[in-house]
Amino acid sequence: MPSLVLEFEHLSKRYGGLWANRDVDLTLESGNIVGILGPNGAGKTTLLRQLVGLSRSTQGHITLNGRVIGPGHAWVKSQIAYLPQHPLALGDLTVEEAIRATALLRGQSWAFASARTQDVMERLDLTPLRNQLVSRLSGGEHRLVGIATIVVAPTPVVALDEPTNELDPLMRHQVWNMIERLKDPSRIILLVSHNVLEAEKVLDRVLIMHHGRIRHDGSPNELRRKTDDALKITIKVALGHERLSRIHNELVQETFQATWQDQTVQFTCPRILALNLLSRWLRDPGLIEQVAIKEPSLEDAYLSLRQNWNQNHSIEEEDL
């Protein structure tokens, strides 16, 4: 049996006449990193705010091992660590003070908190900023301090909202590695991110929210299979107006969304049709200079589902 069970039961949040999320029923168990994907306004951030008691639900409730989570419940702070998109707390402390204070607030001894603070600052290249006030840091530096306050003394439940925003590529890589190392049989990690390609490397389970509802729940491989056995094709078309026009027109006729850059075009489509198109094009000498064929990524599958939902959302909007 898992050591932690986090349950969302008929959870909804309404702002005036708008539902931020609606009828969320979800059970999460420890040992998993769960990605919450979806467009802006899908209800992802609201869900995390409900989880930590910062937003009171309109209906439904959340329980951790059967204990109801609600606004003002002091015990939640020791069980759930939350990194918001725009952290505002701790601005009047120095970097070192902010990280160490977080560990102390989570019940760690001064000696442990101090040692862990030094270690985390070194790993995130924050040591040169140790005496800087958090409020005076750049956006990326502020983000790193937020990550540091999570990993210095991680709680049983960790909720991260866009953890790699404003970070350079090298530091994003480091942060993803740290998130992966947080994974533990006794911990649940919830992760909101728009960077599907990077998040894919650490996720065990994927939730997709759309218009406030969870529309997909499964493993990354299960999401990829929803692309209807598709292939991702990249071709370089030989120079010439007629050649480029021919490829463009054929893709338009098939209603594929293609990305063009000079002579190179990239598109995703069902496997059989992709192979038929390539076979036809390759029989025409000189039409195609280069071809690359890949299985769709998690991001490709996610975008494909979003496109389908956007085309068929009228009934859903009426229901909401």
C-alpha atoms as a PDB file:
ATOM      1  CA  MET A   1       0.000   0.000   0.000  1.00  0.00           C
ATOM      2  CA  PRO A   2       1.241   3.542  -0.727  1.00  0.00           C
ATOM      3  CA  SER A   3       2.234   5.592   2.301  1.00  0.00           C
ATOM      4  CA  LEU A   4       0.282   8.617   1.013  1.00  0.00           C
ATOM      5  CA  VAL A   5      -3.045   8.955  -0.755  1.00  0.00           C
ATOM      6  CA  LEU A   6      -4.143  12.384  -1.966  1.00  0.00           C
ATOM      7  CA  GLU A   7      -7.772  12.586  -3.099  1.00  0.00           C
ATOM      8  CA  PHE A   8      -9.694  15.320  -4.911  1.00  0.00           C
ATOM      9  CA  GLU A   9     -13.439  14.660  -4.637  1.00  0.00           C
ATOM     10  CA  HIS A  10     -15.957  16.570  -6.791  1.00  0.00           C
ATOM     11  CA  LEU A  11     -13.682  19.588  -6.501  1.00  0.00           C
ATOM     12  CA  SER A  12     -14.846  22.829  -8.131  1.00  0.00           C
ATOM     13  CA  LYS A  13     -13.920  26.484  -7.934  1.00  0.00           C
ATOM     14  CA  ARG A  14     -16.021  29.310  -9.336  1.00  0.00           C
ATOM     15  CA  TYR A  15     -15.114  32.986  -9.650  1.00  0.00           C
ATOM     16  CA  GLY A  16     -18.371  34.850 -10.199  1.00  0.00           C
ATOM     17  CA  GLY A  17     -19.988  33.191 -13.198  1.00  0.00           C
ATOM     18  CA  LEU A  18     -16.788  31.459 -14.358  1.00  0.00           C
ATOM     19  CA  TRP A  19     -15.750  27.967 -13.314  1.00  0.00           C
ATOM     20  CA  ALA A  20     -11.952  27.787 -12.899  1.00  0.00           C
ATOM     21  CA  ASN A  21     -12.275  24.040 -12.485  1.00  0.00           C
ATOM     22  CA  ARG A  22     -15.262  21.731 -12.247  1.00  0.00           C
ATOM     23  CA  ASP A  23     -15.955  18.278 -10.792  1.00  0.00           C
ATOM     24  CA  VAL A  24     -12.333  17.185 -10.422  1.00  0.00           C
ATOM     25  CA  ASP A  25     -12.218  13.597  -9.134  1.00  0.00           C
ATOM     26  CA  LEU A  26      -8.688  12.343  -8.727  1.00  0.00           C
ATOM     27  CA  THR A  27      -6.666   9.941  -6.580  1.00  0.00           C
ATOM     28  CA  LEU A  28      -2.871  10.302  -6.381  1.00  0.00           C
ATOM     29  CA  GLU A  29      -0.501   7.924  -4.624  1.00  0.00           C
ATOM     30  CA  SER A  30       3.043   8.418  -3.385  1.00  0.00           C
ATOM     31  CA  GLY A  31       6.028   7.426  -5.483  1.00  0.00           C
ATOM     32  CA  ASN A  32       4.934   9.363  -8.569  1.00  0.00           C
ATOM     33  CA  ILE A  33       5.722  12.638 -10.310  1.00  0.00           C
ATOM     34  CA  VAL A  34       2.425  13.813 -11.763  1.00  0.00           C
ATOM     35  CA  GLY A  35       2.395  16.429 -14.517  1.00  0.00           C
ATOM     36  CA  ILE A  36      -0.597  18.748 -14.859  1.00  0.00           C
ATOM     37  CA  LEU A  37      -0.716  20.127 -18.395  1.00  0.00           C
ATOM     38  CA  GLY A  38      -3.139  22.381 -20.179  1.00  0.00           C
ATOM     39  CA  PRO A  39      -3.547  25.821 -21.764  1.00  0.00           C
ATOM     40  CA  ASN A  40      -3.654  29.073 -19.823  1.00  0.00           C
ATOM     41  CA  GLY A  41      -6.926  29.343 -17.949  1.00  0.00           C
ATOM     42  CA  ALA A  42      -7.469  25.579 -17.780  1.00  0.00           C
ATOM     43  CA  GLY A  43      -7.587  25.610 -13.962  1.00  0.00           C
ATOM     44  CA  LYS A  44      -4.153  24.166 -13.182  1.00  0.00           C
ATOM     45  CA  THR A  45      -2.878  26.896 -10.858  1.00  0.00           C
ATOM     46  CA  THR A  46      -6.256  27.130  -9.117  1.00  0.00           C
ATOM     47  CA  LEU A  47      -6.075  23.399  -8.416  1.00  0.00           C
ATOM     48  CA  LEU A  48      -2.691  23.787  -6.689  1.00  0.00           C
ATOM     49  CA  ARG A  49      -3.951  26.786  -4.700  1.00  0.00           C
ATOM     50  CA  GLN A  50      -6.908  24.715  -3.527  1.00  0.00           C
ATOM     51  CA  LEU A  51      -4.506  21.939  -2.583  1.00  0.00           C
ATOM     52  CA  VAL A  52      -2.494  24.135  -0.197  1.00  0.00           C
ATOM     53  CA  GLY A  53      -5.515  25.953   1.209  1.00  0.00           C
ATOM     54  CA  LEU A  54      -4.866  29.305  -0.484  1.00  0.00           C
ATOM     55  CA  SER A  55      -8.145  29.144  -2.392  1.00  0.00           C
ATOM     56  CA  ARG A  56     -11.411  27.955  -0.830  1.00  0.00           C
ATOM     57  CA  SER A  57     -13.246  25.473  -3.057  1.00  0.00           C
ATOM     58  CA  THR A  58     -16.797  26.247  -4.157  1.00  0.00           C
ATOM     59  CA  GLN A  59     -17.683  22.602  -3.729  1.00  0.00           C
ATOM     60  CA  GLY A  60     -15.954  19.311  -3.027  1.00  0.00           C
ATOM     61  CA  HIS A  61     -12.874  18.738  -0.899  1.00  0.00           C
ATOM     62  CA  ILE A  62      -9.293  17.432  -0.856  1.00  0.00           C
ATOM     63  CA  THR A  63      -7.990  14.874   1.627  1.00  0.00           C
ATOM     64  CA  LEU A  64      -4.492  13.648   2.460  1.00  0.00           C
ATOM     65  CA  ASN A  65      -4.700  10.167   3.963  1.00  0.00           C
ATOM     66  CA  GLY A  66      -8.320  10.903   4.804  1.00  0.00           C
ATOM     67  CA  ARG A  67      -7.646  14.255   6.485  1.00  0.00           C
ATOM     68  CA  VAL A  68      -9.463  17.201   4.899  1.00  0.00           C
ATOM     69  CA  ILE A  69      -7.259  20.046   3.629  1.00  0.00           C
ATOM     70  CA  GLY A  70      -8.686  23.519   4.068  1.00  0.00           C
ATOM     71  CA  PRO A  71      -7.724  27.200   4.337  1.00  0.00           C
ATOM     72  CA  GLY A  72      -5.974  28.007   7.617  1.00  0.00           C
ATOM     73  CA  HIS A  73      -5.165  24.420   8.564  1.00  0.00           C
ATOM     74  CA  ALA A  74      -1.713  24.726  10.159  1.00  0.00           C
ATOM     75  CA  TRP A  75      -0.804  21.065   9.676  1.00  0.00           C
ATOM     76  CA  VAL A  76      -0.886  21.515   5.890  1.00  0.00           C
ATOM     77  CA  LYS A  77       2.351  23.582   6.010  1.00  0.00           C
ATOM     78  CA  SER A  78       4.316  20.612   7.357  1.00  0.00           C
ATOM     79  CA  GLN A  79       2.883  18.229   4.776  1.00  0.00           C
ATOM     80  CA  ILE A  80       2.767  20.236   1.539  1.00  0.00           C
ATOM     81  CA  ALA A  81       5.427  22.493  -0.001  1.00  0.00           C
ATOM     82  CA  TYR A  82       4.192  24.855  -2.711  1.00  0.00           C
ATOM     83  CA  LEU A  83       6.186  26.811  -5.288  1.00  0.00           C
ATOM     84  CA  PRO A  84       3.819  29.338  -6.927  1.00  0.00           C
ATOM     85  CA  GLN A  85       4.420  30.916 -10.315  1.00  0.00           C
ATOM     86  CA  HIS A  86       5.177  34.278  -8.711  1.00  0.00           C
ATOM     87  CA  PRO A  87       6.534  33.760  -5.187  1.00  0.00           C
ATOM     88  CA  LEU A  88       6.187  36.913  -3.086  1.00  0.00           C
ATOM     89  CA  ALA A  89       7.168  35.748   0.398  1.00  0.00           C
ATOM     90  CA  LEU A  90      10.609  35.993   2.010  1.00  0.00           C
ATOM     91  CA  GLY A  91      11.528  39.141   0.066  1.00  0.00           C
ATOM     92  CA  ASP A  92      12.912  40.908   3.148  1.00  0.00           C
ATOM     93  CA  LEU A  93      15.335  38.069   3.923  1.00  0.00           C
ATOM     94  CA  THR A  94      18.682  37.340   2.330  1.00  0.00           C
ATOM     95  CA  VAL A  95      18.996  34.298   0.088  1.00  0.00           C
ATOM     96  CA  GLU A  96      20.724  32.284   2.810  1.00  0.00           C
ATOM     97  CA  GLU A  97      18.216  33.353   5.473  1.00  0.00           C
ATOM     98  CA  ALA A  98      15.236  32.510   3.283  1.00  0.00           C
ATOM     99  CA  ILE A  99      16.418  28.998   2.509  1.00  0.00           C
ATOM    100  CA  ARG A 100      17.475  28.223   6.069  1.00  0.00           C
ATOM    101  CA  ALA A 101      14.268  29.694   7.546  1.00  0.00           C
ATOM    102  CA  THR A 102      12.185  27.430   5.318  1.00  0.00           C
ATOM    103  CA  ALA A 103      13.990  24.346   6.620  1.00  0.00           C
ATOM    104  CA  LEU A 104      13.529  25.548  10.225  1.00  0.00           C
ATOM    105  CA  LEU A 105       9.810  26.155   9.659  1.00  0.00           C
ATOM    106  CA  ARG A 106       9.523  22.557   8.468  1.00  0.00           C
ATOM    107  CA  GLY A 107      10.848  21.329  11.799  1.00  0.00           C
ATOM    108  CA  GLN A 108      14.538  20.807  11.017  1.00  0.00           C
ATOM    109  CA  SER A 109      17.259  21.560  13.565  1.00  0.00           C
ATOM    110  CA  TRP A 110      19.495  24.622  13.162  1.00  0.00           C
ATOM    111  CA  ALA A 111      22.521  22.431  12.406  1.00  0.00           C
ATOM    112  CA  PHE A 112      20.695  20.409   9.743  1.00  0.00           C
ATOM    113  CA  ALA A 113      19.039  23.478   8.217  1.00  0.00           C
ATOM    114  CA  SER A 114      22.356  25.352   8.005  1.00  0.00           C
ATOM    115  CA  ALA A 115      24.222  22.417   6.445  1.00  0.00           C
ATOM    116  CA  ARG A 116      21.463  21.740   3.909  1.00  0.00           C
ATOM    117  CA  THR A 117      21.274  25.438   3.035  1.00  0.00           C
ATOM    118  CA  GLN A 118      24.968  25.520   2.149  1.00  0.00           C
ATOM    119  CA  ASP A 119      24.630  22.377   0.038  1.00  0.00           C
ATOM    120  CA  VAL A 120      21.563  23.599  -1.866  1.00  0.00           C
ATOM    121  CA  MET A 121      23.091  27.041  -2.521  1.00  0.00           C
ATOM    122  CA  GLU A 122      26.177  25.403  -4.024  1.00  0.00           C
ATOM    123  CA  ARG A 123      24.143  23.073  -6.239  1.00  0.00           C
ATOM    124  CA  LEU A 124      22.048  25.965  -7.585  1.00  0.00           C
ATOM    125  CA  ASP A 125      24.971  28.423  -7.890  1.00  0.00           C
ATOM    126  CA  LEU A 126      23.371  30.700  -5.294  1.00  0.00           C
ATOM    127  CA  THR A 127      26.386  30.990  -2.981  1.00  0.00           C
ATOM    128  CA  PRO A 128      27.583  34.294  -4.538  1.00  0.00           C
ATOM    129  CA  LEU A 129      24.110  35.716  -3.801  1.00  0.00           C
ATOM    130  CA  ARG A 130      23.857  34.459  -0.229  1.00  0.00           C
ATOM    131  CA  ASN A 131      23.775  37.966   1.314  1.00  0.00           C
ATOM    132  CA  GLN A 132      21.487  39.532  -1.314  1.00  0.00           C
ATOM    133  CA  LEU A 133      17.903  40.357  -0.363  1.00  0.00           C
ATOM    134  CA  VAL A 134      15.489  38.078  -2.196  1.00  0.00           C
ATOM    135  CA  SER A 135      13.408  41.103  -3.227  1.00  0.00           C
ATOM    136  CA  ARG A 136      16.369  42.498  -5.193  1.00  0.00           C
ATOM    137  CA  LEU A 137      17.046  39.391  -7.256  1.00  0.00           C
ATOM    138  CA  SER A 138      16.299  38.978 -10.956  1.00  0.00           C
ATOM    139  CA  GLY A 139      13.354  36.834 -11.994  1.00  0.00           C
ATOM    140  CA  GLY A 140      15.521  33.785 -12.682  1.00  0.00           C
ATOM    141  CA  GLU A 141      17.478  34.169  -9.438  1.00  0.00           C
ATOM    142  CA  HIS A 142      14.243  34.551  -7.487  1.00  0.00           C
ATOM    143  CA  ARG A 143      12.990  31.350  -9.113  1.00  0.00           C
ATOM    144  CA  LEU A 144      16.101  29.460  -8.042  1.00  0.00           C
ATOM    145  CA  VAL A 145      15.640  30.581  -4.447  1.00  0.00           C
ATOM    146  CA  GLY A 146      12.091  29.236  -4.644  1.00  0.00           C
ATOM    147  CA  ILE A 147      13.398  25.869  -5.866  1.00  0.00           C
ATOM    148  CA  ALA A 148      15.960  25.918  -3.037  1.00  0.00           C
ATOM    149  CA  THR A 149      13.223  26.387  -0.430  1.00  0.00           C
ATOM    150  CA  ILE A 150      11.517  23.270  -1.768  1.00  0.00           C
ATOM    151  CA  VAL A 151      14.511  20.927  -1.885  1.00  0.00           C
ATOM    152  CA  VAL A 152      16.183  22.094   1.351  1.00  0.00           C
ATOM    153  CA  ALA A 153      13.636  20.126   3.391  1.00  0.00           C
ATOM    154  CA  PRO A 154      11.094  18.480   1.094  1.00  0.00           C
ATOM    155  CA  THR A 155       7.666  17.632   2.470  1.00  0.00           C
ATOM    156  CA  PRO A 156       5.541  14.524   1.769  1.00  0.00           C
ATOM    157  CA  VAL A 157       3.627  16.442  -0.929  1.00  0.00           C
ATOM    158  CA  VAL A 158       5.404  18.875  -3.262  1.00  0.00           C
ATOM    159  CA  ALA A 159       3.446  21.145  -5.625  1.00  0.00           C
ATOM    160  CA  LEU A 160       5.438  23.045  -8.273  1.00  0.00           C
ATOM    161  CA  ASP A 161       3.879  25.637 -10.583  1.00  0.00           C
ATOM    162  CA  GLU A 162       6.119  26.315 -13.610  1.00  0.00           C
ATOM    163  CA  PRO A 163       9.366  25.563 -11.727  1.00  0.00           C
ATOM    164  CA  THR A 164      11.717  26.389 -14.625  1.00  0.00           C
ATOM    165  CA  ASN A 165      10.205  29.725 -15.688  1.00  0.00           C
ATOM    166  CA  GLU A 166      12.827  32.400 -16.429  1.00  0.00           C
ATOM    167  CA  LEU A 167      15.764  29.992 -16.075  1.00  0.00           C
ATOM    168  CA  ASP A 168      18.533  29.598 -18.636  1.00  0.00           C
ATOM    169  CA  PRO A 169      18.904  26.187 -20.354  1.00  0.00           C
ATOM    170  CA  LEU A 170      21.767  24.987 -18.132  1.00  0.00           C
ATOM    171  CA  MET A 171      19.943  25.815 -14.919  1.00  0.00           C
ATOM    172  CA  ARG A 172      16.677  24.321 -16.233  1.00  0.00           C
ATOM    173  CA  HIS A 173      18.538  21.061 -16.764  1.00  0.00           C
ATOM    174  CA  GLN A 174      19.877  21.201 -13.202  1.00  0.00           C
ATOM    175  CA  VAL A 175      16.427  21.928 -11.762  1.00  0.00           C
ATOM    176  CA  TRP A 176      14.817  19.037 -13.655  1.00  0.00           C
ATOM    177  CA  ASN A 177      17.503  16.731 -12.252  1.00  0.00           C
ATOM    178  CA  MET A 178      16.754  17.966  -8.742  1.00  0.00           C
ATOM    179  CA  ILE A 179      13.035  17.405  -9.227  1.00  0.00           C
ATOM    180  CA  GLU A 180      13.707  13.869 -10.416  1.00  0.00           C
ATOM    181  CA  ARG A 181      15.844  13.239  -7.318  1.00  0.00           C
ATOM    182  CA  LEU A 182      12.945  14.389  -5.118  1.00  0.00           C
ATOM    183  CA  LYS A 183      10.978  11.353  -6.248  1.00  0.00           C
ATOM    184  CA  ASP A 184      10.524   8.979  -3.324  1.00  0.00           C
ATOM    185  CA  PRO A 185       8.180   6.075  -2.449  1.00  0.00           C
ATOM    186  CA  SER A 186       6.770   8.219   0.376  1.00  0.00           C
ATOM    187  CA  ARG A 187       6.295  11.451  -1.623  1.00  0.00           C
ATOM    188  CA  ILE A 188       3.795  12.825  -4.147  1.00  0.00           C
ATOM    189  CA  ILE A 189       5.049  15.475  -6.575  1.00  0.00           C
ATOM    190  CA  LEU A 190       2.606  17.575  -8.614  1.00  0.00           C
ATOM    191  CA  LEU A 191       4.106  19.602 -11.418  1.00  0.00           C
ATOM    192  CA  VAL A 192       2.470  22.249 -13.600  1.00  0.00           C
ATOM    193  CA  SER A 193       4.524  23.084 -16.681  1.00  0.00           C
ATOM    194  CA  HIS A 194       4.105  24.395 -20.220  1.00  0.00           C
ATOM    195  CA  ASN A 195       7.495  22.957 -21.127  1.00  0.00           C
ATOM    196  CA  VAL A 196       6.211  19.511 -22.076  1.00  0.00           C
ATOM    197  CA  LEU A 197       9.421  18.414 -23.801  1.00  0.00           C
ATOM    198  CA  GLU A 198      11.490  18.953 -20.657  1.00  0.00           C
ATOM    199  CA  ALA A 199       8.865  17.733 -18.182  1.00  0.00           C
ATOM    200  CA  GLU A 200       8.426  14.511 -20.185  1.00  0.00           C
ATOM    201  CA  LYS A 201      11.774  13.245 -18.852  1.00  0.00           C
ATOM    202  CA  VAL A 202      10.562  13.099 -15.237  1.00  0.00           C
ATOM    203  CA  LEU A 203       6.814  12.386 -15.402  1.00  0.00           C
ATOM    204  CA  ASP A 204       5.216   9.104 -14.332  1.00  0.00           C
ATOM    205  CA  ARG A 205       1.649  10.267 -14.871  1.00  0.00           C
ATOM    206  CA  VAL A 206       0.089  12.979 -17.020  1.00  0.00           C
ATOM    207  CA  LEU A 207      -3.104  14.906 -16.351  1.00  0.00           C
ATOM    208  CA  ILE A 208      -4.424  17.299 -18.999  1.00  0.00           C
ATOM    209  CA  MET A 209      -6.902  19.959 -17.962  1.00  0.00           C
ATOM    210  CA  HIS A 210      -9.115  21.650 -20.530  1.00  0.00           C
ATOM    211  CA  HIS A 211     -11.863  24.169 -19.698  1.00  0.00           C
ATOM    212  CA  GLY A 212     -11.556  23.309 -16.017  1.00  0.00           C
ATOM    213  CA  ARG A 213     -11.941  19.557 -16.351  1.00  0.00           C
ATOM    214  CA  ILE A 214      -9.436  16.702 -16.438  1.00  0.00           C
ATOM    215  CA  ARG A 215      -9.652  15.358 -19.982  1.00  0.00           C
ATOM    216  CA  HIS A 216      -6.779  12.881 -19.864  1.00  0.00           C
ATOM    217  CA  ASP A 217      -5.213  10.871 -17.043  1.00  0.00           C
ATOM    218  CA  GLY A 218      -2.571   8.243 -17.708  1.00  0.00           C
ATOM    219  CA  SER A 219       1.075   7.470 -18.275  1.00  0.00           C
ATOM    220  CA  PRO A 220       3.138   9.370 -20.866  1.00  0.00           C
ATOM    221  CA  ASN A 221       3.031   6.296 -23.123  1.00  0.00           C
ATOM    222  CA  GLU A 222      -0.760   6.153 -22.893  1.00  0.00           C
ATOM    223  CA  LEU A 223      -0.911   9.789 -23.964  1.00  0.00           C
ATOM    224  CA  ARG A 224       1.399   9.139 -26.916  1.00  0.00           C
ATOM    225  CA  ARG A 225      -0.858   6.291 -28.059  1.00  0.00           C
ATOM    226  CA  LYS A 226      -3.728   8.775 -28.366  1.00  0.00           C
ATOM    227  CA  THR A 227      -2.025  10.196 -31.453  1.00  0.00           C
ATOM    228  CA  ASP A 228      -3.617   7.321 -33.422  1.00  0.00           C
ATOM    229  CA  ASP A 229      -0.349   5.630 -34.305  1.00  0.00           C
ATOM    230  CA  ALA A 230       1.125   8.777 -35.832  1.00  0.00           C
ATOM    231  CA  LEU A 231       4.590   9.694 -37.097  1.00  0.00           C
ATOM    232  CA  LYS A 232       6.426  12.986 -36.901  1.00  0.00           C
ATOM    233  CA  ILE A 233       7.920  13.784 -40.327  1.00  0.00           C
ATOM    234  CA  THR A 234      10.591  16.339 -41.186  1.00  0.00           C
ATOM    235  CA  ILE A 235      11.518  16.804 -44.844  1.00  0.00           C
ATOM    236  CA  LYS A 236      13.750  19.189 -46.744  1.00  0.00           C
ATOM    237  CA  VAL A 237      12.233  20.074 -50.101  1.00  0.00           C
ATOM    238  CA  ALA A 238      14.454  20.812 -53.087  1.00  0.00           C
ATOM    239  CA  LEU A 239      14.616  24.469 -54.071  1.00  0.00           C
ATOM    240  CA  GLY A 240      12.066  25.639 -56.603  1.00  0.00           C
ATOM    241  CA  HIS A 241       8.712  27.373 -56.359  1.00  0.00           C
ATOM    242  CA  GLU A 242       6.777  24.527 -57.984  1.00  0.00           C
ATOM    243  CA  ARG A 243       8.284  21.889 -55.695  1.00  0.00           C
ATOM    244  CA  LEU A 244       7.630  23.862 -52.520  1.00  0.00           C
ATOM    245  CA  SER A 245       4.098  24.683 -53.650  1.00  0.00           C
ATOM    246  CA  ARG A 246       3.316  21.059 -54.408  1.00  0.00           C
ATOM    247  CA  ILE A 247       4.264  19.860 -50.912  1.00  0.00           C
ATOM    248  CA  HIS A 248       2.454  22.789 -49.301  1.00  0.00           C
ATOM    249  CA  ASN A 249      -0.741  22.189 -51.281  1.00  0.00           C
ATOM    250  CA  GLU A 250      -0.810  18.460 -50.555  1.00  0.00           C
ATOM    251  CA  LEU A 251      -0.428  19.054 -46.820  1.00  0.00           C
ATOM    252  CA  VAL A 252      -3.171  21.691 -46.918  1.00  0.00           C
ATOM    253  CA  GLN A 253      -5.471  19.235 -48.703  1.00  0.00           C
ATOM    254  CA  GLU A 254      -4.887  16.715 -45.913  1.00  0.00           C
ATOM    255  CA  THR A 255      -5.591  19.486 -43.318  1.00  0.00           C
ATOM    256  CA  PHE A 256      -2.332  18.860 -41.453  1.00  0.00           C
ATOM    257  CA  GLN A 257      -0.803  21.594 -39.361  1.00  0.00           C
ATOM    258  CA  ALA A 258       2.692  21.935 -40.789  1.00  0.00           C
ATOM    259  CA  THR A 259       5.581  24.111 -39.668  1.00  0.00           C
ATOM    260  CA  TRP A 260       7.710  25.620 -42.420  1.00  0.00           C
ATOM    261  CA  GLN A 261      11.177  27.125 -42.246  1.00  0.00           C
ATOM    262  CA  ASP A 262      12.676  27.928 -45.654  1.00  0.00           C
ATOM    263  CA  GLN A 263      12.852  24.535 -47.434  1.00  0.00           C
ATOM    264  CA  THR A 264      12.143  22.442 -44.324  1.00  0.00           C
ATOM    265  CA  VAL A 265       8.650  21.335 -43.311  1.00  0.00           C
ATOM    266  CA  GLN A 266       7.594  19.374 -40.219  1.00  0.00           C
ATOM    267  CA  PHE A 267       4.218  17.739 -39.593  1.00  0.00           C
ATOM    268  CA  THR A 268       2.615  14.901 -37.638  1.00  0.00           C
ATOM    269  CA  CYS A 269       0.030  12.578 -39.166  1.00  0.00           C
ATOM    270  CA  PRO A 270      -1.279   8.984 -38.989  1.00  0.00           C
ATOM    271  CA  ARG A 271       1.431   6.437 -39.775  1.00  0.00           C
ATOM    272  CA  ILE A 272      -0.153   4.890 -42.906  1.00  0.00           C
ATOM    273  CA  LEU A 273      -0.885   8.243 -44.497  1.00  0.00           C
ATOM    274  CA  ALA A 274       2.593   9.543 -43.649  1.00  0.00           C
ATOM    275  CA  LEU A 275       4.232   6.555 -45.330  1.00  0.00           C
ATOM    276  CA  ASN A 276       1.970   6.889 -48.384  1.00  0.00           C
ATOM    277  CA  LEU A 277       2.853  10.573 -48.768  1.00  0.00           C
ATOM    278  CA  LEU A 278       6.567   9.884 -48.411  1.00  0.00           C
ATOM    279  CA  SER A 279       6.417   7.010 -50.872  1.00  0.00           C
ATOM    280  CA  ARG A 280       4.734   9.240 -53.451  1.00  0.00           C
ATOM    281  CA  TRP A 281       7.134  12.137 -52.942  1.00  0.00           C
ATOM    282  CA  LEU A 282      10.260   9.965 -53.005  1.00  0.00           C
ATOM    283  CA  ARG A 283       9.244   8.466 -56.356  1.00  0.00           C
ATOM    284  CA  ASP A 284       9.592  11.952 -57.829  1.00  0.00           C
ATOM    285  CA  PRO A 285      13.368  12.367 -58.422  1.00  0.00           C
ATOM    286  CA  GLY A 286      14.825  15.498 -56.888  1.00  0.00           C
ATOM    287  CA  LEU A 287      11.700  16.542 -54.974  1.00  0.00           C
ATOM    288  CA  ILE A 288      12.933  15.624 -51.466  1.00  0.00           C
ATOM    289  CA  GLU A 289      16.520  16.193 -50.329  1.00  0.00           C
ATOM    290  CA  GLN A 290      16.306  14.877 -46.749  1.00  0.00           C
ATOM    291  CA  VAL A 291      13.804  12.908 -44.641  1.00  0.00           C
ATOM    292  CA  ALA A 292      13.638  12.294 -40.872  1.00  0.00           C
ATOM    293  CA  ILE A 293      10.964  10.096 -39.270  1.00  0.00           C
ATOM    294  CA  LYS A 294      10.302  10.005 -35.519  1.00  0.00           C
ATOM    295  CA  GLU A 295       7.727   8.660 -33.129  1.00  0.00           C
ATOM    296  CA  PRO A 296       5.661  11.554 -31.707  1.00  0.00           C
ATOM    297  CA  SER A 297       6.873  13.124 -28.470  1.00  0.00           C
ATOM    298  CA  LEU A 298       4.650  13.717 -25.484  1.00  0.00           C
ATOM    299  CA  GLU A 299       4.342  17.322 -26.622  1.00  0.00           C
ATOM    300  CA  ASP A 300       3.140  16.230 -30.075  1.00  0.00           C
ATOM    301  CA  ALA A 301       0.463  14.044 -28.499  1.00  0.00           C
ATOM    302  CA  TYR A 302      -0.575  16.817 -26.126  1.00  0.00           C
ATOM    303  CA  LEU A 303      -0.893  19.375 -28.923  1.00  0.00           C
ATOM    304  CA  SER A 304      -2.840  16.914 -31.068  1.00  0.00           C
ATOM    305  CA  LEU A 305      -5.395  16.337 -28.302  1.00  0.00           C
ATOM    306  CA  ARG A 306      -5.689  20.056 -27.616  1.00  0.00           C
ATOM    307  CA  GLN A 307      -6.380  20.729 -31.280  1.00  0.00           C
ATOM    308  CA  ASN A 308      -9.130  18.092 -31.332  1.00  0.00           C
ATOM    309  CA  TRP A 309     -10.714  19.439 -28.146  1.00  0.00           C
ATOM    310  CA  ASN A 310     -10.623  23.024 -29.419  1.00  0.00           C
ATOM    311  CA  GLN A 311     -12.467  21.927 -32.556  1.00  0.00           C
ATOM    312  CA  ASN A 312     -15.192  20.225 -30.515  1.00  0.00           C
ATOM    313  CA  HIS A 313     -15.588  22.435 -27.450  1.00  0.00           C
ATOM    314  CA  SER A 314     -19.050  23.918 -28.010  1.00  0.00           C
ATOM    315  CA  ILE A 315     -20.938  21.202 -26.115  1.00  0.00           C
ATOM    316  CA  GLU A 316     -18.363  21.332 -23.328  1.00  0.00           C
ATOM    317  CA  GLU A 317     -18.720  25.114 -22.956  1.00  0.00           C
ATOM    318  CA  GLU A 318     -22.498  24.811 -22.760  1.00  0.00           C
ATOM    319  CA  ASP A 319     -22.090  22.240 -19.982  1.00  0.00           C
ATOM    320  CA  LEU A 320     -19.742  24.530 -18.064  1.00  0.00           C
END
